[in-house]
PDB file of N, CA and C in Angstrom:
ATOM      1  N   MET A   1       0.823  -1.196  -0.020  1.00  0.00           N
ATOM      2  CA  MET A   1      -0.010   0.006   0.027  1.00  0.00           C
ATOM      3  C   MET A   1       0.869   1.233   0.005  1.00  0.00           C
ATOM      4  N   LYS A   2       2.015   1.188   0.698  1.00  0.00           N
ATOM      5  CA  LYS A   2       2.937   2.344   0.703  1.00  0.00           C
ATOM      6  C   LYS A   2       3.391   2.727  -0.645  1.00  0.00           C
ATOM      7  N   LYS A   3       3.742   1.619  -1.473  1.00  0.00           N
ATOM      8  CA  LYS A   3       4.247   1.873  -2.807  1.00  0.00           C
ATOM      9  C   LYS A   3       3.217   2.582  -3.697  1.00  0.00           C
ATOM     10  N   ILE A   4       2.000   2.135  -3.533  1.00  0.00           N
ATOM     11  CA  ILE A   4       0.868   2.796  -4.288  1.00  0.00           C
ATOM     12  C   ILE A   4       0.734   4.250  -3.916  1.00  0.00           C
ATOM     13  N   ASN A   5       0.760   4.540  -2.601  1.00  0.00           N
ATOM     14  CA  ASN A   5       0.626   5.926  -2.146  1.00  0.00           C
ATOM     15  C   ASN A   5       1.792   6.732  -2.612  1.00  0.00           C
ATOM     16  N   LEU A   6       3.021   6.176  -2.646  1.00  0.00           N
ATOM     17  CA  LEU A   6       4.159   6.922  -3.160  1.00  0.00           C
ATOM     18  C   LEU A   6       4.043   7.191  -4.667  1.00  0.00           C
ATOM     19  N   LEU A   7       3.529   6.203  -5.404  1.00  0.00           N
ATOM     20  CA  LEU A   7       3.343   6.417  -6.854  1.00  0.00           C
ATOM     21  C   LEU A   7       2.340   7.535  -7.083  1.00  0.00           C
ATOM     22  N   ILE A   8       1.241   7.493  -6.384  1.00  0.00           N
ATOM     23  CA  ILE A   8       0.202   8.504  -6.502  1.00  0.00           C
ATOM     24  C   ILE A   8       0.775   9.883  -6.143  1.00  0.00           C
ATOM     25  N   ALA A   9       1.511   9.924  -5.083  1.00  0.00           N
ATOM     26  CA  ALA A   9       2.162  11.197  -4.714  1.00  0.00           C
ATOM     27  C   ALA A   9       3.111  11.728  -5.751  1.00  0.00           C
ATOM     28  N   LYS A  10       3.827  10.811  -6.376  1.00  0.00           N
ATOM     29  CA  LYS A  10       4.836  11.186  -7.393  1.00  0.00           C
ATOM     30  C   LYS A  10       4.140  11.533  -8.742  1.00  0.00           C
ATOM     31  N   LEU A  11       3.216  10.689  -9.123  1.00  0.00           N
ATOM     32  CA  LEU A  11       2.668  10.839 -10.489  1.00  0.00           C
ATOM     33  C   LEU A  11       1.269  11.515 -10.520  1.00  0.00           C
ATOM     34  N   GLY A  12       0.641  11.578  -9.374  1.00  0.00           N
ATOM     35  CA  GLY A  12      -0.691  12.188  -9.286  1.00  0.00           C
ATOM     36  C   GLY A  12      -1.766  11.109  -9.448  1.00  0.00           C
ATOM     37  N   ASN A  13      -2.975  11.464  -9.261  1.00  0.00           N
ATOM     38  CA  ASN A  13      -4.085  10.512  -9.251  1.00  0.00           C
ATOM     39  C   ASN A  13      -4.276   9.970 -10.667  1.00  0.00           C
ATOM     40  N   PRO A  14      -4.222   8.641 -10.849  1.00  0.00           N
ATOM     41  CA  PRO A  14      -4.282   8.094 -12.196  1.00  0.00           C
ATOM     42  C   PRO A  14      -5.677   8.332 -12.871  1.00  0.00           C
ATOM     43  N   ILE A  15      -6.696   8.443 -12.066  1.00  0.00           N
ATOM     44  CA  ILE A  15      -8.028   8.695 -12.680  1.00  0.00           C
ATOM     45  C   ILE A  15      -8.089  10.132 -13.156  1.00  0.00           C
ATOM     46  N   LYS A  16      -7.533  11.061 -12.425  1.00  0.00           N
ATOM     47  CA  LYS A  16      -7.503  12.415 -12.830  1.00  0.00           C
ATOM     48  C   LYS A  16      -6.600  12.617 -14.048  1.00  0.00           C
ATOM     49  N   ARG A  17      -5.487  11.887 -14.104  1.00  0.00           N
ATOM     50  CA  ARG A  17      -4.610  11.937 -15.298  1.00  0.00           C
ATOM     51  C   ARG A  17      -5.268  11.418 -16.524  1.00  0.00           C
ATOM     52  N   LEU A  18      -6.048  10.321 -16.362  1.00  0.00           N
ATOM     53  CA  LEU A  18      -6.756   9.754 -17.534  1.00  0.00           C
ATOM     54  C   LEU A  18      -7.825  10.739 -17.995  1.00  0.00           C
ATOM     55  N   GLU A  19      -8.562  11.338 -17.004  1.00  0.00           N
ATOM     56  CA  GLU A  19      -9.579  12.309 -17.391  1.00  0.00           C
ATOM     57  C   GLU A  19      -9.005  13.475 -18.155  1.00  0.00           C
ATOM     58  N   LYS A  20      -7.849  14.010 -17.682  1.00  0.00           N
ATOM     59  CA  LYS A  20      -7.182  15.132 -18.345  1.00  0.00           C
ATOM     60  C   LYS A  20      -6.743  14.715 -19.782  1.00  0.00           C
ATOM     61  N   TYR A  21      -6.197  13.503 -19.933  1.00  0.00           N
ATOM     62  CA  TYR A  21      -5.761  12.978 -21.185  1.00  0.00           C
ATOM     63  C   TYR A  21      -6.908  12.869 -22.166  1.00  0.00           C
ATOM     64  N   LEU A  22      -8.079  12.374 -21.733  1.00  0.00           N
ATOM     65  CA  LEU A  22      -9.246  12.210 -22.598  1.00  0.00           C
ATOM     66  C   LEU A  22      -9.820  13.590 -22.917  1.00  0.00           C
ATOM     67  N   LEU A  23      -9.749  14.497 -21.995  1.00  0.00           N
ATOM     68  CA  LEU A  23     -10.174  15.907 -22.288  1.00  0.00           C
ATOM     69  C   LEU A  23      -9.321  16.520 -23.341  1.00  0.00           C
ATOM     70  N   ASP A  24      -8.003  16.347 -23.179  1.00  0.00           N
ATOM     71  CA  ASP A  24      -7.011  16.948 -24.106  1.00  0.00           C
ATOM     72  C   ASP A  24      -7.265  16.354 -25.554  1.00  0.00           C
ATOM     73  N   LEU A  25      -7.616  15.099 -25.630  1.00  0.00           N
ATOM     74  CA  LEU A  25      -7.914  14.498 -26.958  1.00  0.00           C
ATOM     75  C   LEU A  25      -9.258  14.926 -27.505  1.00  0.00           C
ATOM     76  N   GLY A  26     -10.107  15.451 -26.648  1.00  0.00           N
ATOM     77  CA  GLY A  26     -11.442  15.845 -27.066  1.00  0.00           C
ATOM     78  C   GLY A  26     -12.396  14.666 -27.091  1.00  0.00           C
ATOM     79  N   TRP A  27     -12.078  13.633 -26.405  1.00  0.00           N
ATOM     80  CA  TRP A  27     -12.924  12.381 -26.393  1.00  0.00           C
ATOM     81  C   TRP A  27     -14.037  12.520 -25.407  1.00  0.00           C
ATOM     82  N   ILE A  28     -13.887  13.408 -24.358  1.00  0.00           N
ATOM     83  CA  ILE A  28     -14.963  13.614 -23.382  1.00  0.00           C
ATOM     84  C   ILE A  28     -15.151  15.098 -23.219  1.00  0.00           C
ATOM     85  N   GLU A  29     -16.343  15.423 -22.733  1.00  0.00           N
ATOM     86  CA  GLU A  29     -16.661  16.822 -22.431  1.00  0.00           C
ATOM     87  C   GLU A  29     -16.126  17.166 -21.050  1.00  0.00           C
ATOM     88  N   PRO A  30     -15.955  18.475 -20.714  1.00  0.00           N
ATOM     89  CA  PRO A  30     -15.425  18.823 -19.403  1.00  0.00           C
ATOM     90  C   PRO A  30     -16.204  18.356 -18.218  1.00  0.00           C
ATOM     91  N   ASN A  31     -17.523  18.232 -18.350  1.00  0.00           N
ATOM     92  CA  ASN A  31     -18.318  17.859 -17.183  1.00  0.00           C
ATOM     93  C   ASN A  31     -18.659  16.382 -17.159  1.00  0.00           C
ATOM     94  N   PHE A  32     -18.020  15.582 -18.090  1.00  0.00           N
ATOM     95  CA  PHE A  32     -18.325  14.146 -18.253  1.00  0.00           C
ATOM     96  C   PHE A  32     -18.157  13.405 -16.933  1.00  0.00           C
ATOM     97  N   ALA A  33     -17.031  13.628 -16.234  1.00  0.00           N
ATOM     98  CA  ALA A  33     -16.779  12.827 -15.024  1.00  0.00           C
ATOM     99  C   ALA A  33     -17.806  13.111 -13.959  1.00  0.00           C
ATOM    100  N   GLU A  34     -18.129  14.386 -13.813  1.00  0.00           N
ATOM    101  CA  GLU A  34     -19.151  14.712 -12.783  1.00  0.00           C
ATOM    102  C   GLU A  34     -20.503  14.135 -13.107  1.00  0.00           C
ATOM    103  N   GLN A  35     -20.885  14.191 -14.397  1.00  0.00           N
ATOM    104  CA  GLN A  35     -22.142  13.584 -14.795  1.00  0.00           C
ATOM    105  C   GLN A  35     -22.178  12.087 -14.475  1.00  0.00           C
ATOM    106  N   LYS A  36     -21.110  11.403 -14.799  1.00  0.00           N
ATOM    107  CA  LYS A  36     -21.020   9.958 -14.582  1.00  0.00           C
ATOM    108  C   LYS A  36     -21.059   9.637 -13.088  1.00  0.00           C
ATOM    109  N   LYS A  37     -20.364  10.450 -12.292  1.00  0.00           N
ATOM    110  CA  LYS A  37     -20.349  10.229 -10.837  1.00  0.00           C
ATOM    111  C   LYS A  37     -21.823  10.337 -10.291  1.00  0.00           C
ATOM    112  N   LYS A  38     -22.555  11.347 -10.757  1.00  0.00           N
ATOM    113  CA  LYS A  38     -23.936  11.457 -10.300  1.00  0.00           C
ATOM    114  C   LYS A  38     -24.787  10.319 -10.764  1.00  0.00           C
ATOM    115  N   GLU A  39     -24.646   9.915 -12.044  1.00  0.00           N
ATOM    116  CA  GLU A  39     -25.405   8.807 -12.558  1.00  0.00           C
ATOM    117  C   GLU A  39     -25.071   7.509 -11.794  1.00  0.00           C
ATOM    118  N   LEU A  40     -23.822   7.246 -11.568  1.00  0.00           N
ATOM    119  CA  LEU A  40     -23.408   6.059 -10.841  1.00  0.00           C
ATOM    120  C   LEU A  40     -23.879   6.104  -9.358  1.00  0.00           C
ATOM    121  N   PHE A  41     -23.840   7.274  -8.746  1.00  0.00           N
ATOM    122  CA  PHE A  41     -24.323   7.386  -7.341  1.00  0.00           C
ATOM    123  C   PHE A  41     -25.777   7.052  -7.275  1.00  0.00           C
ATOM    124  N   THR A  42     -26.542   7.558  -8.222  1.00  0.00           N
ATOM    125  CA  THR A  42     -27.983   7.308  -8.260  1.00  0.00           C
ATOM    126  C   THR A  42     -28.267   5.823  -8.510  1.00  0.00           C
ATOM    127  N   LEU A  43     -27.527   5.189  -9.450  1.00  0.00           N
ATOM    128  CA  LEU A  43     -27.701   3.809  -9.756  1.00  0.00           C
ATOM    129  C   LEU A  43     -27.338   2.920  -8.552  1.00  0.00           C
ATOM    130  N   ILE A  44     -26.220   3.230  -7.959  1.00  0.00           N
ATOM    131  CA  ILE A  44     -25.763   2.453  -6.818  1.00  0.00           C
ATOM    132  C   ILE A  44     -26.728   2.553  -5.644  1.00  0.00           C
ATOM    133  N   THR A  45     -27.226   3.754  -5.404  1.00  0.00           N
ATOM    134  CA  THR A  45     -28.184   3.948  -4.344  1.00  0.00           C
ATOM    135  C   THR A  45     -29.464   3.180  -4.585  1.00  0.00           C
ATOM    136  N   GLN A  46     -29.980   3.199  -5.779  1.00  0.00           N
ATOM    137  CA  GLN A  46     -31.152   2.413  -6.136  1.00  0.00           C
ATOM    138  C   GLN A  46     -30.957   0.883  -5.953  1.00  0.00           C
ATOM    139  N   GLU A  47     -29.777   0.478  -6.410  1.00  0.00           N
ATOM    140  CA  GLU A  47     -29.492  -1.009  -6.312  1.00  0.00           C
ATOM    141  C   GLU A  47     -29.329  -1.415  -4.837  1.00  0.00           C
ATOM    142  N   LEU A  48     -28.704  -0.563  -4.032  1.00  0.00           N
ATOM    143  CA  LEU A  48     -28.545  -0.861  -2.597  1.00  0.00           C
ATOM    144  C   LEU A  48     -29.938  -0.986  -1.930  1.00  0.00           C
ATOM    145  N   LYS A  49     -30.794  -0.022  -2.258  1.00  0.00           N
ATOM    146  CA  LYS A  49     -32.142  -0.066  -1.707  1.00  0.00           C
ATOM    147  C   LYS A  49     -32.901  -1.335  -2.126  1.00  0.00           C
ATOM    148  N   ARG A  50     -32.767  -1.727  -3.385  1.00  0.00           N
ATOM    149  CA  ARG A  50     -33.396  -2.909  -3.915  1.00  0.00           C
ATOM    150  C   ARG A  50     -32.850  -4.176  -3.235  1.00  0.00           C
ATOM    151  N   ALA A  51     -31.532  -4.220  -3.152  1.00  0.00           N
ATOM    152  CA  ALA A  51     -30.864  -5.408  -2.539  1.00  0.00           C
ATOM    153  C   ALA A  51     -31.238  -5.544  -1.059  1.00  0.00           C
ATOM    154  N   SER A  52     -31.326  -4.404  -0.380  1.00  0.00           N
ATOM    155  CA  SER A  52     -31.591  -4.468   1.040  1.00  0.00           C
ATOM    156  C   SER A  52     -33.045  -4.867   1.354  1.00  0.00           C
ATOM    157  N   SER A  53     -33.901  -4.707   0.333  1.00  0.00           N
ATOM    158  CA  SER A  53     -35.315  -5.028   0.560  1.00  0.00           C
ATOM    159  C   SER A  53     -35.582  -6.566   0.211  1.00  0.00           C
ATOM    160  N   GLU A  54     -34.622  -7.208  -0.441  1.00  0.00           N
ATOM    161  CA  GLU A  54     -34.843  -8.620  -0.726  1.00  0.00           C
ATOM    162  C   GLU A  54     -34.718  -9.500   0.480  1.00  0.00           C
ATOM    163  N   LYS A  55     -35.438 -10.577   0.454  1.00  0.00           N
ATOM    164  CA  LYS A  55     -35.439 -11.483   1.562  1.00  0.00           C
ATOM    165  C   LYS A  55     -34.126 -12.280   1.498  1.00  0.00           C
ATOM    166  N   LEU A  56     -33.541 -12.495   2.660  1.00  0.00           N
ATOM    167  CA  LEU A  56     -32.221 -13.259   2.676  1.00  0.00           C
ATOM    168  C   LEU A  56     -32.508 -14.725   2.507  1.00  0.00           C
ATOM    169  N   PRO A  57     -31.593 -15.439   1.830  1.00  0.00           N
ATOM    170  CA  PRO A  57     -31.855 -16.866   1.604  1.00  0.00           C
ATOM    171  C   PRO A  57     -31.657 -17.620   2.933  1.00  0.00           C
ATOM    172  N   PRO A  58     -32.188 -18.856   2.967  1.00  0.00           N
ATOM    173  CA  PRO A  58     -32.045 -19.618   4.201  1.00  0.00           C
ATOM    174  C   PRO A  58     -30.576 -19.919   4.416  1.00  0.00           C
ATOM    175  N   ILE A  59     -30.196 -20.036   5.729  1.00  0.00           N
ATOM    176  CA  ILE A  59     -28.790 -20.278   6.085  1.00  0.00           C
ATOM    177  C   ILE A  59     -28.265 -21.583   5.524  1.00  0.00           C
ATOM    178  N   ASP A  60     -29.176 -22.552   5.331  1.00  0.00           N
ATOM    179  CA  ASP A  60     -28.810 -23.871   4.781  1.00  0.00           C
ATOM    180  C   ASP A  60     -28.262 -23.780   3.349  1.00  0.00           C
ATOM    181  N   ASP A  61     -28.598 -22.674   2.648  1.00  0.00           N
ATOM    182  CA  ASP A  61     -28.162 -22.495   1.290  1.00  0.00           C
ATOM    183  C   ASP A  61     -26.797 -21.803   1.172  1.00  0.00           C
ATOM    184  N   MET A  62     -26.147 -21.606   2.294  1.00  0.00           N
ATOM    185  CA  MET A  62     -24.878 -20.847   2.334  1.00  0.00           C
ATOM    186  C   MET A  62     -23.816 -21.379   1.395  1.00  0.00           C
ATOM    187  N   PHE A  63     -23.757 -22.724   1.290  1.00  0.00           N
ATOM    188  CA  PHE A  63     -22.624 -23.310   0.486  1.00  0.00           C
ATOM    189  C   PHE A  63     -23.173 -23.977  -0.777  1.00  0.00           C
ATOM    190  N   THR A  64     -24.404 -23.922  -1.107  1.00  0.00           N
ATOM    191  CA  THR A  64     -24.909 -24.617  -2.267  1.00  0.00           C
ATOM    192  C   THR A  64     -24.333 -24.141  -3.593  1.00  0.00           C
ATOM    193  N   ASP A  65     -23.915 -22.904  -3.681  1.00  0.00           N
ATOM    194  CA  ASP A  65     -23.348 -22.376  -4.937  1.00  0.00           C
ATOM    195  C   ASP A  65     -21.847 -22.515  -4.950  1.00  0.00           C
ATOM    196  N   ILE A  66     -21.265 -23.070  -3.919  1.00  0.00           N
ATOM    197  CA  ILE A  66     -19.827 -23.204  -3.878  1.00  0.00           C
ATOM    198  C   ILE A  66     -19.338 -24.548  -4.132  1.00  0.00           C
ATOM    199  N   TYR A  67     -19.975 -25.567  -3.549  1.00  0.00           N
ATOM    200  CA  TYR A  67     -19.576 -26.939  -3.634  1.00  0.00           C
ATOM    201  C   TYR A  67     -20.577 -27.778  -4.484  1.00  0.00           C
ATOM    202  N   HIS A  68     -20.017 -28.642  -5.346  1.00  0.00           N
ATOM    203  CA  HIS A  68     -20.883 -29.567  -5.989  1.00  0.00           C
ATOM    204  C   HIS A  68     -21.425 -30.557  -4.981  1.00  0.00           C
ATOM    205  N   GLU A  69     -20.541 -31.046  -4.154  1.00  0.00           N
ATOM    206  CA  GLU A  69     -20.937 -31.887  -3.022  1.00  0.00           C
ATOM    207  C   GLU A  69     -20.338 -31.227  -1.763  1.00  0.00           C
ATOM    208  N   VAL A  70     -21.188 -30.937  -0.790  1.00  0.00           N
ATOM    209  CA  VAL A  70     -20.738 -30.288   0.400  1.00  0.00           C
ATOM    210  C   VAL A  70     -19.780 -31.289   1.185  1.00  0.00           C
ATOM    211  N   PRO A  71     -18.602 -30.815   1.541  1.00  0.00           N
ATOM    212  CA  PRO A  71     -17.705 -31.696   2.312  1.00  0.00           C
ATOM    213  C   PRO A  71     -18.272 -32.046   3.678  1.00  0.00           C
ATOM    214  N   PRO A  72     -17.889 -33.184   4.200  1.00  0.00           N
ATOM    215  CA  PRO A  72     -18.476 -33.674   5.481  1.00  0.00           C
ATOM    216  C   PRO A  72     -18.233 -32.647   6.614  1.00  0.00           C
ATOM    217  N   HIS A  73     -17.100 -32.007   6.662  1.00  0.00           N
ATOM    218  CA  HIS A  73     -16.838 -31.082   7.795  1.00  0.00           C
ATOM    219  C   HIS A  73     -17.759 -29.932   7.818  1.00  0.00           C
ATOM    220  N   ILE A  74     -18.252 -29.587   6.633  1.00  0.00           N
ATOM    221  CA  ILE A  74     -19.234 -28.460   6.606  1.00  0.00           C
ATOM    222  C   ILE A  74     -20.621 -28.936   6.782  1.00  0.00           C
ATOM    223  N   LYS A  75     -20.934 -30.198   6.422  1.00  0.00           N
ATOM    224  CA  LYS A  75     -22.221 -30.719   6.696  1.00  0.00           C
ATOM    225  C   LYS A  75     -22.450 -30.766   8.229  1.00  0.00           C
ATOM    226  N   GLU A  76     -21.442 -30.972   8.974  1.00  0.00           N
ATOM    227  CA  GLU A  76     -21.642 -31.067  10.433  1.00  0.00           C
ATOM    228  C   GLU A  76     -22.114 -29.708  10.922  1.00  0.00           C
TER     229      GLU A  76
END
């Protein structure tokens, strides 16, 4: 984690650098990143509300999607 922080300190935020690069090329509009942040925030908020309103599966189904055959130590 320290190496990543040092790289960011040295080179700057890679997301901001990419945004500046795409702006310089004319591939995105100046307010593109802010618009996308708002859209994603709205989408994520909606999905979190939807997911939190769903009924939780039974505890017995905890490993059904992981193992073809549940190992004996987990069956216990």
